[in-house]
Amino acid sequence: MSAETIQIKHEESLVQLIWALFSALLGEALRRSRATADPIESGFLPS
């Protein structure tokens, strides 16, 4: 494999890692917003 191929594969894995973290955070936020209807208790708004 050439250095360019390795670089491309590294960038793809980095994007996948960022996307996985983002979707995990988004999923957690959605679960918290469904768990309680009060935005102050869920921690989205300052009390």
N, C-alpha and C. Protein backbone atom coordinates (compact mmCIF):
# COMPACT_ATOMS: atom_id res chain seq x y z
N MET A 1 0.85 -1.20 0.00
CA MET A 1 0.00 0.00 0.00
C MET A 1 0.89 1.25 0.00
N SER A 2 0.46 2.22 -0.74
CA SER A 2 1.22 3.46 -0.79
C SER A 2 0.89 4.33 0.42
N ALA A 3 1.69 5.34 0.63
CA ALA A 3 1.46 6.25 1.75
C ALA A 3 0.14 6.98 1.59
N GLU A 4 -0.23 7.28 0.34
CA GLU A 4 -1.50 7.98 0.11
C GLU A 4 -2.68 7.11 0.51
N THR A 5 -2.61 5.81 0.19
CA THR A 5 -3.70 4.89 0.56
C THR A 5 -3.83 4.81 2.07
N ILE A 6 -2.70 4.73 2.76
CA ILE A 6 -2.73 4.67 4.23
C ILE A 6 -3.34 5.95 4.79
N GLN A 7 -2.97 7.10 4.22
CA GLN A 7 -3.51 8.38 4.68
C GLN A 7 -5.02 8.42 4.49
N ILE A 8 -5.51 7.96 3.33
CA ILE A 8 -6.95 7.97 3.07
C ILE A 8 -7.67 7.07 4.07
N LYS A 9 -7.13 5.87 4.30
CA LYS A 9 -7.77 4.96 5.25
C LYS A 9 -7.76 5.55 6.66
N HIS A 10 -6.71 6.26 7.02
CA HIS A 10 -6.64 6.89 8.34
C HIS A 10 -7.71 7.98 8.45
N GLU A 11 -7.89 8.77 7.41
CA GLU A 11 -8.90 9.82 7.44
C GLU A 11 -10.30 9.21 7.53
N GLU A 12 -10.54 8.11 6.82
CA GLU A 12 -11.85 7.46 6.89
C GLU A 12 -12.13 6.96 8.30
N SER A 13 -11.14 6.36 8.95
CA SER A 13 -11.36 5.84 10.30
C SER A 13 -11.58 6.99 11.28
N LEU A 14 -10.92 8.12 11.04
CA LEU A 14 -11.12 9.28 11.92
C LEU A 14 -12.53 9.82 11.78
N VAL A 15 -13.03 9.88 10.55
CA VAL A 15 -14.40 10.34 10.31
C VAL A 15 -15.38 9.38 10.97
N GLN A 16 -15.13 8.08 10.86
CA GLN A 16 -16.02 7.09 11.48
C GLN A 16 -16.02 7.24 12.99
N LEU A 17 -14.86 7.51 13.58
CA LEU A 17 -14.77 7.69 15.02
C LEU A 17 -15.55 8.92 15.47
N ILE A 18 -15.36 10.04 14.75
CA ILE A 18 -16.08 11.27 15.09
C ILE A 18 -17.58 11.06 14.94
N TRP A 19 -18.00 10.38 13.86
CA TRP A 19 -19.42 10.14 13.64
C TRP A 19 -19.99 9.26 14.74
N ALA A 20 -19.24 8.24 15.17
CA ALA A 20 -19.70 7.36 16.24
C ALA A 20 -19.88 8.13 17.54
N LEU A 21 -18.93 8.99 17.86
CA LEU A 21 -19.04 9.80 19.08
C LEU A 21 -20.23 10.75 18.99
N PHE A 22 -20.39 11.39 17.83
CA PHE A 22 -21.49 12.33 17.64
C PHE A 22 -22.84 11.64 17.77
N SER A 23 -22.99 10.48 17.11
CA SER A 23 -24.27 9.78 17.17
C SER A 23 -24.54 9.24 18.57
N ALA A 24 -23.49 8.86 19.29
CA ALA A 24 -23.69 8.40 20.67
C ALA A 24 -24.16 9.54 21.56
N LEU A 25 -23.56 10.71 21.39
CA LEU A 25 -23.98 11.87 22.18
C LEU A 25 -25.40 12.28 21.82
N LEU A 26 -25.72 12.25 20.54
CA LEU A 26 -27.06 12.62 20.09
C LEU A 26 -28.08 11.63 20.63
N GLY A 27 -27.76 10.35 20.59
CA GLY A 27 -28.67 9.33 21.11
C GLY A 27 -28.90 9.50 22.61
N GLU A 28 -27.84 9.81 23.34
CA GLU A 28 -27.97 10.04 24.79
C GLU A 28 -28.84 11.26 25.06
N ALA A 29 -28.65 12.32 24.28
CA ALA A 29 -29.47 13.52 24.46
C ALA A 29 -30.94 13.23 24.18
N LEU A 30 -31.21 12.43 23.16
CA LEU A 30 -32.60 12.09 22.84
C LEU A 30 -33.21 11.23 23.94
N ARG A 31 -32.42 10.29 24.48
CA ARG A 31 -32.94 9.46 25.58
C ARG A 31 -33.26 10.32 26.79
N ARG A 32 -32.38 11.26 27.10
CA ARG A 32 -32.61 12.12 28.27
C ARG A 32 -33.83 13.01 28.06
N SER A 33 -34.01 13.51 26.84
CA SER A 33 -35.15 14.41 26.60
C SER A 33 -36.46 13.63 26.65
N ARG A 34 -36.42 12.33 26.30
CA ARG A 34 -37.64 11.51 26.39
C ARG A 34 -37.89 11.05 27.82
N ALA A 35 -36.81 10.92 28.60
CA ALA A 35 -36.94 10.40 29.96
C ALA A 35 -37.69 11.39 30.85
N THR A 36 -37.50 12.67 30.62
CA THR A 36 -38.19 13.66 31.43
C THR A 36 -38.67 14.80 30.54
N ALA A 37 -39.84 15.32 30.83
CA ALA A 37 -40.37 16.42 30.04
C ALA A 37 -39.86 17.75 30.54
N ASP A 38 -39.21 17.75 31.71
CA ASP A 38 -38.71 18.99 32.30
C ASP A 38 -37.28 19.24 31.83
N PRO A 39 -37.05 20.27 31.03
CA PRO A 39 -35.70 20.50 30.50
C PRO A 39 -34.69 20.89 31.57
N ILE A 40 -35.14 21.44 32.68
CA ILE A 40 -34.21 21.82 33.75
C ILE A 40 -33.66 20.56 34.42
N GLU A 41 -34.52 19.58 34.67
CA GLU A 41 -34.07 18.34 35.31
C GLU A 41 -33.14 17.55 34.40
N SER A 42 -33.36 17.61 33.10
CA SER A 42 -32.52 16.83 32.18
C SER A 42 -31.16 17.49 31.97
N GLY A 43 -30.99 18.73 32.42
CA GLY A 43 -29.69 19.36 32.38
C GLY A 43 -29.43 20.19 31.13
N PHE A 44 -30.44 20.42 30.30
CA PHE A 44 -30.22 21.21 29.10
C PHE A 44 -30.27 22.71 29.38
N LEU A 45 -31.07 23.10 30.36
CA LEU A 45 -31.18 24.52 30.68
C LEU A 45 -30.63 24.77 32.08
N PRO A 46 -29.97 25.89 32.29
CA PRO A 46 -29.50 26.21 33.65
C PRO A 46 -30.68 26.45 34.59
N SER A 47 -30.55 25.97 35.79
CA SER A 47 -31.65 26.11 36.74
C SER A 47 -31.68 27.50 37.36
